[in-house]
Protein backbone atom coordinates (compact mmCIF):
# COMPACT_ATOMS: atom_id res chain seq x y z
CA MET A 1 108.61 245.25 -32.66
CA THR A 2 109.26 246.20 -29.04
CA LYS A 3 106.58 246.11 -26.36
CA HIS A 4 107.74 248.93 -24.24
CA TYR A 5 104.19 250.33 -24.32
CA GLN A 6 102.90 247.39 -22.27
CA TYR A 7 104.99 248.36 -19.08
CA PHE A 8 105.51 251.45 -17.25
CA SER A 9 106.89 251.87 -13.64
CA HIS A 10 106.82 255.14 -11.97
CA LYS A 11 109.19 254.70 -9.06
CA GLU A 12 109.13 258.53 -8.44
CA CYS A 13 105.51 258.38 -7.43
CA GLU A 14 104.85 259.13 -3.79
CA PHE A 15 102.55 256.18 -3.63
CA PHE A 16 104.87 253.72 -5.29
CA PRO A 17 104.17 250.82 -4.94
CA CYS A 18 100.65 251.43 -4.15
CA HIS A 19 99.76 247.87 -3.00
CA GLN A 20 101.45 246.26 -0.03
CA GLY A 21 103.54 243.28 -0.69
CA ALA A 22 103.92 244.11 -4.37
CA ASP A 23 107.21 243.43 -6.07
CA PRO A 24 108.51 247.03 -6.79
CA ASP A 25 110.90 245.65 -9.58
CA ASN A 26 107.96 244.18 -11.41
CA PHE A 27 105.01 246.51 -10.84
CA ASN A 28 103.31 248.06 -13.81
CA CYS A 29 101.76 251.46 -13.09
CA LEU A 30 100.24 251.60 -16.74
CA PHE A 31 96.91 250.68 -15.27
CA CYS A 32 97.17 252.87 -12.28
CA TYR A 33 93.41 253.17 -12.07
CA CYS A 34 92.16 249.61 -13.20
CA PRO A 35 90.07 249.87 -16.40
CA LEU A 36 88.36 246.52 -15.24
CA TYR A 37 87.14 248.09 -11.81
CA LEU A 38 83.57 248.51 -13.00
CA LEU A 39 83.24 244.94 -14.07
CA LYS A 40 81.66 242.56 -11.69
CA ASP A 41 83.85 239.66 -12.66
CA CYS A 42 87.15 241.68 -13.38
CA GLY A 43 89.41 238.69 -13.33
CA GLY A 44 91.38 240.17 -10.29
CA ALA A 45 90.91 239.33 -6.62
CA PRO A 46 88.88 242.25 -5.15
CA THR A 47 86.89 241.88 -1.77
CA LEU A 48 83.77 243.95 -0.71
CA THR A 49 83.98 246.34 2.15
CA VAL A 50 81.29 246.03 4.90
CA SER A 51 79.37 248.65 3.03
CA GLY A 52 79.45 246.59 -0.20
CA VAL A 53 82.09 248.87 -2.13
CA LYS A 54 84.60 246.94 -4.24
CA ASP A 55 88.05 247.02 -2.57
CA CYS A 56 90.97 246.37 -4.86
CA SER A 57 93.76 247.30 -2.40
CA HIS A 58 95.06 243.63 -2.35
CA CYS A 59 94.63 242.96 -6.08
CA LEU A 60 97.75 242.91 -8.15
CA PHE A 61 96.25 241.58 -11.47
CA PRO A 62 96.51 244.76 -13.54
CA HIS A 63 99.91 245.56 -12.12
CA ARG A 64 101.64 242.37 -13.28
CA ARG A 65 103.88 242.98 -16.46
CA GLU A 66 102.61 239.70 -17.75
CA ASN A 67 98.83 240.68 -17.43
CA TYR A 68 98.82 243.54 -19.94
CA GLY A 69 97.43 241.27 -22.79
CA LYS A 70 94.83 239.79 -20.39
CA VAL A 71 93.46 243.38 -19.46
CA ILE A 72 93.49 244.44 -23.13
CA ALA A 73 91.75 241.26 -24.27
CA ARG A 74 89.10 241.76 -21.61
CA LEU A 75 88.46 245.38 -22.50
CA CYS A 76 88.19 244.26 -26.11
CA ALA A 77 85.80 241.51 -25.32
CA GLU A 78 83.53 243.80 -23.17
CA SER A 79 83.58 246.52 -26.00
CA ALA A 80 82.53 243.91 -28.54
CA LYS A 81 79.55 242.98 -26.33
CA LYS A 82 78.28 246.59 -26.55
CA LYS A 83 78.21 246.71 -30.24
């Protein structure tokens, strides 16, 4: 079985790549809006703004091709906690 569903790169997007310093040849746009954003301990590298808002502009965790499984596993674990 192929795993093409795990990676999508939208190089035509006017914001691509949306994170400075990202490797455009290995940038996964599948999680354009990070599904882990609302988690306090999301597994990425966010910072807080002066006003206390989570800033993920320097985090590449959900955009690395190899982290698809980690993002999905974390979503499943969080979902299981709510059952």
